[in-house]
Amino acid sequence: MTRTRRKPPWYQHFPTRLRFEREARAAYPHISMREVGARKRSEVAYGLKIPVPEYEDRSIELVFPRMIARPEFTRVYADGPTESPHRYRASERDKQGRSSLCIWDPDDPPELRWVPEDGLLSLIEMTRLHLFKEAYWRETGDWPGAEAPHPTAEPKPC
């Protein structure tokens, strides 16, 4: 009986990871990457500090699942204030009790949300814009730009 080899996760395949990271590393040379978890539950987390236009810089962490083909499971966290109509509740998956950003609706078509082919820099830039909108909302009570409709019930804020 021949055992088939399992394909390694995307982030352990250097050419794939290099294509994914290339532009982000050029724009943010201080970005760090670490693998978290083990085996089937392993993930990769990128951490960096980003400038938010008109507001303070923020530290962010982008956590990708082993299977990046499922971007709806990508989580983005940021330090600083968390009051926002566009945050998920803190999940049991996050050991630090952080709430992740709700940057796009997972049911949106690919052109309205981030997909892995867009690359890491694209997600970082979407995060910068989202953090700007959150800060502006906290200051004015108005969310600049389009918003996905949210249910009026309490299942989740985003």
C-alpha atoms as a PDB file:
ATOM      1  CA  MET A   1       0.000   0.000   0.000  1.00  0.00           C
ATOM      2  CA  THR A   2       1.438   3.327  -1.064  1.00  0.00           C
ATOM      3  CA  ARG A   3       0.906   6.331   1.160  1.00  0.00           C
ATOM      4  CA  THR A   4       0.209   9.549  -0.649  1.00  0.00           C
ATOM      5  CA  ARG A   5       2.040  12.560   0.578  1.00  0.00           C
ATOM      6  CA  ARG A   6      -0.039  15.390   1.908  1.00  0.00           C
ATOM      7  CA  LYS A   7       0.408  18.724   0.267  1.00  0.00           C
ATOM      8  CA  PRO A   8       2.033  21.203   2.668  1.00  0.00           C
ATOM      9  CA  PRO A   9       0.087  24.320   3.633  1.00  0.00           C
ATOM     10  CA  TRP A  10       0.458  27.234   1.228  1.00  0.00           C
ATOM     11  CA  TYR A  11       2.737  29.182   3.573  1.00  0.00           C
ATOM     12  CA  GLN A  12       5.269  26.333   3.674  1.00  0.00           C
ATOM     13  CA  HIS A  13       5.569  26.406  -0.128  1.00  0.00           C
ATOM     14  CA  PHE A  14       8.157  29.150  -0.628  1.00  0.00           C
ATOM     15  CA  PRO A  15       7.283  30.255  -4.220  1.00  0.00           C
ATOM     16  CA  THR A  16       3.590  30.553  -3.328  1.00  0.00           C
ATOM     17  CA  ARG A  17       4.330  32.492  -0.153  1.00  0.00           C
ATOM     18  CA  LEU A  18       6.824  34.754  -1.923  1.00  0.00           C
ATOM     19  CA  ARG A  19       4.248  35.732  -4.572  1.00  0.00           C
ATOM     20  CA  PHE A  20       1.673  36.372  -1.837  1.00  0.00           C
ATOM     21  CA  GLU A  21       4.031  38.527   0.302  1.00  0.00           C
ATOM     22  CA  ARG A  22       6.227  40.284  -2.276  1.00  0.00           C
ATOM     23  CA  GLU A  23       4.473  43.679  -2.522  1.00  0.00           C
ATOM     24  CA  ALA A  24       3.680  43.800   1.204  1.00  0.00           C
ATOM     25  CA  ARG A  25       7.311  43.200   2.167  1.00  0.00           C
ATOM     26  CA  ALA A  26       8.405  45.979  -0.206  1.00  0.00           C
ATOM     27  CA  ALA A  27       5.910  48.428   1.336  1.00  0.00           C
ATOM     28  CA  TYR A  28       6.322  47.245   4.954  1.00  0.00           C
ATOM     29  CA  PRO A  29       9.821  45.784   5.446  1.00  0.00           C
ATOM     30  CA  HIS A  30       9.182  45.406   9.188  1.00  0.00           C
ATOM     31  CA  ILE A  31       6.339  42.895   8.676  1.00  0.00           C
ATOM     32  CA  SER A  32       6.728  39.700  10.689  1.00  0.00           C
ATOM     33  CA  MET A  33       5.332  36.240  10.060  1.00  0.00           C
ATOM     34  CA  ARG A  34       4.866  33.346  12.453  1.00  0.00           C
ATOM     35  CA  GLU A  35       3.176  29.985  12.313  1.00  0.00           C
ATOM     36  CA  VAL A  36       0.639  29.352  15.080  1.00  0.00           C
ATOM     37  CA  GLY A  37      -1.083  26.143  16.054  1.00  0.00           C
ATOM     38  CA  ALA A  38      -0.159  22.670  14.953  1.00  0.00           C
ATOM     39  CA  ARG A  39      -1.013  20.234  12.211  1.00  0.00           C
ATOM     40  CA  LYS A  40      -4.503  20.642  10.778  1.00  0.00           C
ATOM     41  CA  ARG A  41      -5.181  23.660  12.976  1.00  0.00           C
ATOM     42  CA  SER A  42      -2.021  25.488  11.983  1.00  0.00           C
ATOM     43  CA  GLU A  43      -2.321  29.053  10.766  1.00  0.00           C
ATOM     44  CA  VAL A  44       0.060  31.784   9.784  1.00  0.00           C
ATOM     45  CA  ALA A  45      -0.052  35.255  11.326  1.00  0.00           C
ATOM     46  CA  TYR A  46       1.485  38.425   9.915  1.00  0.00           C
ATOM     47  CA  GLY A  47       2.065  41.348  12.249  1.00  0.00           C
ATOM     48  CA  LEU A  48       2.954  44.937  11.446  1.00  0.00           C
ATOM     49  CA  LYS A  49       2.332  48.562  12.313  1.00  0.00           C
ATOM     50  CA  ILE A  50       0.461  50.585   9.691  1.00  0.00           C
ATOM     51  CA  PRO A  51      -0.255  54.289   9.312  1.00  0.00           C
ATOM     52  CA  VAL A  52      -3.933  55.234   9.442  1.00  0.00           C
ATOM     53  CA  PRO A  53      -4.543  58.499   7.542  1.00  0.00           C
ATOM     54  CA  GLU A  54      -5.332  61.400   9.918  1.00  0.00           C
ATOM     55  CA  TYR A  55      -5.159  59.100  12.972  1.00  0.00           C
ATOM     56  CA  GLU A  56      -2.603  57.206  15.051  1.00  0.00           C
ATOM     57  CA  ASP A  57      -0.634  54.288  13.641  1.00  0.00           C
ATOM     58  CA  ARG A  58      -2.095  50.903  14.550  1.00  0.00           C
ATOM     59  CA  SER A  59      -0.602  47.467  15.047  1.00  0.00           C
ATOM     60  CA  ILE A  60      -2.452  44.780  13.136  1.00  0.00           C
ATOM     61  CA  GLU A  61      -2.356  41.014  12.924  1.00  0.00           C
ATOM     62  CA  LEU A  62      -3.628  39.123   9.873  1.00  0.00           C
ATOM     63  CA  VAL A  63      -4.346  35.456  10.593  1.00  0.00           C
ATOM     64  CA  PHE A  64      -4.711  33.056   7.699  1.00  0.00           C
ATOM     65  CA  PRO A  65      -6.009  29.508   7.866  1.00  0.00           C
ATOM     66  CA  ARG A  66      -3.997  26.552   6.641  1.00  0.00           C
ATOM     67  CA  MET A  67      -6.202  26.477   3.562  1.00  0.00           C
ATOM     68  CA  ILE A  68      -6.037  30.026   2.195  1.00  0.00           C
ATOM     69  CA  ALA A  69      -8.473  28.984  -0.511  1.00  0.00           C
ATOM     70  CA  ARG A  70     -11.096  29.798   2.142  1.00  0.00           C
ATOM     71  CA  PRO A  71     -10.485  33.563   2.659  1.00  0.00           C
ATOM     72  CA  GLU A  72     -13.753  33.897   4.557  1.00  0.00           C
ATOM     73  CA  PHE A  73     -11.857  32.365   7.486  1.00  0.00           C
ATOM     74  CA  THR A  74      -9.118  35.020   7.398  1.00  0.00           C
ATOM     75  CA  ARG A  75      -9.188  37.157  10.539  1.00  0.00           C
ATOM     76  CA  VAL A  76      -7.827  40.686  10.954  1.00  0.00           C
ATOM     77  CA  TYR A  77      -7.142  42.179  14.384  1.00  0.00           C
ATOM     78  CA  ALA A  78      -6.039  45.677  15.375  1.00  0.00           C
ATOM     79  CA  ASP A  79      -4.917  47.281  18.606  1.00  0.00           C
ATOM     80  CA  GLY A  80      -6.529  50.422  19.949  1.00  0.00           C
ATOM     81  CA  PRO A  81     -10.222  51.231  20.414  1.00  0.00           C
ATOM     82  CA  THR A  82     -12.649  48.470  19.493  1.00  0.00           C
ATOM     83  CA  GLU A  83     -15.962  50.357  19.427  1.00  0.00           C
ATOM     84  CA  SER A  84     -17.268  49.855  15.913  1.00  0.00           C
ATOM     85  CA  PRO A  85     -20.387  48.679  14.121  1.00  0.00           C
ATOM     86  CA  HIS A  86     -18.050  46.595  11.930  1.00  0.00           C
ATOM     87  CA  ARG A  87     -16.401  44.162  14.311  1.00  0.00           C
ATOM     88  CA  TYR A  88     -17.177  40.548  14.999  1.00  0.00           C
ATOM     89  CA  ARG A  89     -17.619  39.491  18.586  1.00  0.00           C
ATOM     90  CA  ALA A  90     -14.535  38.023  20.220  1.00  0.00           C
ATOM     91  CA  SER A  91     -14.413  34.379  19.235  1.00  0.00           C
ATOM     92  CA  GLU A  92     -13.470  31.304  21.187  1.00  0.00           C
ATOM     93  CA  ARG A  93     -10.796  30.690  18.538  1.00  0.00           C
ATOM     94  CA  ASP A  94      -8.950  33.799  19.668  1.00  0.00           C
ATOM     95  CA  LYS A  95      -7.233  32.996  22.947  1.00  0.00           C
ATOM     96  CA  GLN A  96      -6.752  36.703  23.722  1.00  0.00           C
ATOM     97  CA  GLY A  97     -10.460  37.529  23.436  1.00  0.00           C
ATOM     98  CA  ARG A  98      -9.946  39.966  20.566  1.00  0.00           C
ATOM     99  CA  SER A  99     -12.665  40.940  18.128  1.00  0.00           C
ATOM    100  CA  SER A 100     -11.788  40.777  14.448  1.00  0.00           C
ATOM    101  CA  LEU A 101     -12.595  43.444  11.888  1.00  0.00           C
ATOM    102  CA  CYS A 102     -15.572  42.982   9.575  1.00  0.00           C
ATOM    103  CA  ILE A 103     -14.031  44.409   6.420  1.00  0.00           C
ATOM    104  CA  TRP A 104     -16.269  42.666   3.880  1.00  0.00           C
ATOM    105  CA  ASP A 105     -19.364  40.526   3.835  1.00  0.00           C
ATOM    106  CA  PRO A 106     -18.341  36.889   3.191  1.00  0.00           C
ATOM    107  CA  ASP A 107     -21.339  36.564   0.853  1.00  0.00           C
ATOM    108  CA  ASP A 108     -20.212  39.482  -1.319  1.00  0.00           C
ATOM    109  CA  PRO A 109     -18.947  38.698  -4.821  1.00  0.00           C
ATOM    110  CA  PRO A 110     -15.126  38.483  -5.142  1.00  0.00           C
ATOM    111  CA  GLU A 111     -14.800  42.006  -6.560  1.00  0.00           C
ATOM    112  CA  LEU A 112     -16.244  43.463  -3.318  1.00  0.00           C
ATOM    113  CA  ARG A 113     -14.087  41.478  -0.882  1.00  0.00           C
ATOM    114  CA  TRP A 114     -10.510  40.359  -0.483  1.00  0.00           C
ATOM    115  CA  VAL A 115      -9.432  37.136  -2.180  1.00  0.00           C
ATOM    116  CA  PRO A 116      -5.973  35.530  -1.859  1.00  0.00           C
ATOM    117  CA  GLU A 117      -5.067  36.344  -5.469  1.00  0.00           C
ATOM    118  CA  ASP A 118      -5.174  40.033  -4.479  1.00  0.00           C
ATOM    119  CA  GLY A 119      -2.083  39.470  -2.327  1.00  0.00           C
ATOM    120  CA  LEU A 120      -1.178  40.462   1.196  1.00  0.00           C
ATOM    121  CA  LEU A 121      -0.633  44.159   0.443  1.00  0.00           C
ATOM    122  CA  SER A 122      -4.201  44.493  -0.810  1.00  0.00           C
ATOM    123  CA  LEU A 123      -5.533  43.143   2.490  1.00  0.00           C
ATOM    124  CA  ILE A 124      -3.273  45.493   4.457  1.00  0.00           C
ATOM    125  CA  GLU A 125      -4.587  48.450   2.456  1.00  0.00           C
ATOM    126  CA  MET A 126      -8.203  47.345   3.000  1.00  0.00           C
ATOM    127  CA  THR A 127      -7.403  47.155   6.711  1.00  0.00           C
ATOM    128  CA  ARG A 128      -5.940  50.679   6.726  1.00  0.00           C
ATOM    129  CA  LEU A 129      -9.089  52.034   5.086  1.00  0.00           C
ATOM    130  CA  HIS A 130     -11.308  50.122   7.506  1.00  0.00           C
ATOM    131  CA  LEU A 131      -9.401  51.471  10.526  1.00  0.00           C
ATOM    132  CA  PHE A 132      -9.729  54.999   9.147  1.00  0.00           C
ATOM    133  CA  LYS A 133     -13.497  54.509   8.782  1.00  0.00           C
ATOM    134  CA  GLU A 134     -13.759  53.162  12.344  1.00  0.00           C
ATOM    135  CA  ALA A 135     -11.856  56.142  13.764  1.00  0.00           C
ATOM    136  CA  TYR A 136     -13.961  58.556  11.747  1.00  0.00           C
ATOM    137  CA  TRP A 137     -17.153  56.825  12.924  1.00  0.00           C
ATOM    138  CA  ARG A 138     -16.040  57.077  16.575  1.00  0.00           C
ATOM    139  CA  GLU A 139     -15.412  60.779  16.058  1.00  0.00           C
ATOM    140  CA  THR A 140     -18.530  61.718  14.078  1.00  0.00           C
ATOM    141  CA  GLY A 141     -21.064  58.879  14.378  1.00  0.00           C
ATOM    142  CA  ASP A 142     -21.112  58.541  10.563  1.00  0.00           C
ATOM    143  CA  TRP A 143     -19.584  55.632   8.655  1.00  0.00           C
ATOM    144  CA  PRO A 144     -17.919  56.988   5.495  1.00  0.00           C
ATOM    145  CA  GLY A 145     -18.636  54.903   2.415  1.00  0.00           C
ATOM    146  CA  ALA A 146     -20.789  51.914   1.650  1.00  0.00           C
ATOM    147  CA  GLU A 147     -21.862  49.443   4.323  1.00  0.00           C
ATOM    148  CA  ALA A 148     -23.254  45.949   4.047  1.00  0.00           C
ATOM    149  CA  PRO A 149     -26.681  45.690   5.675  1.00  0.00           C
ATOM    150  CA  HIS A 150     -26.565  44.265   9.178  1.00  0.00           C
ATOM    151  CA  PRO A 151     -29.312  42.243  10.818  1.00  0.00           C
ATOM    152  CA  THR A 152     -31.253  44.048  13.494  1.00  0.00           C
ATOM    153  CA  ALA A 153     -31.172  40.945  15.711  1.00  0.00           C
ATOM    154  CA  GLU A 154     -28.189  40.254  17.991  1.00  0.00           C
ATOM    155  CA  PRO A 155     -26.465  37.221  16.388  1.00  0.00           C
ATOM    156  CA  LYS A 156     -23.334  39.193  15.480  1.00  0.00           C
ATOM    157  CA  PRO A 157     -22.603  42.864  14.867  1.00  0.00           C
ATOM    158  CA  CYS A 158     -21.367  42.330  11.336  1.00  0.00           C
END
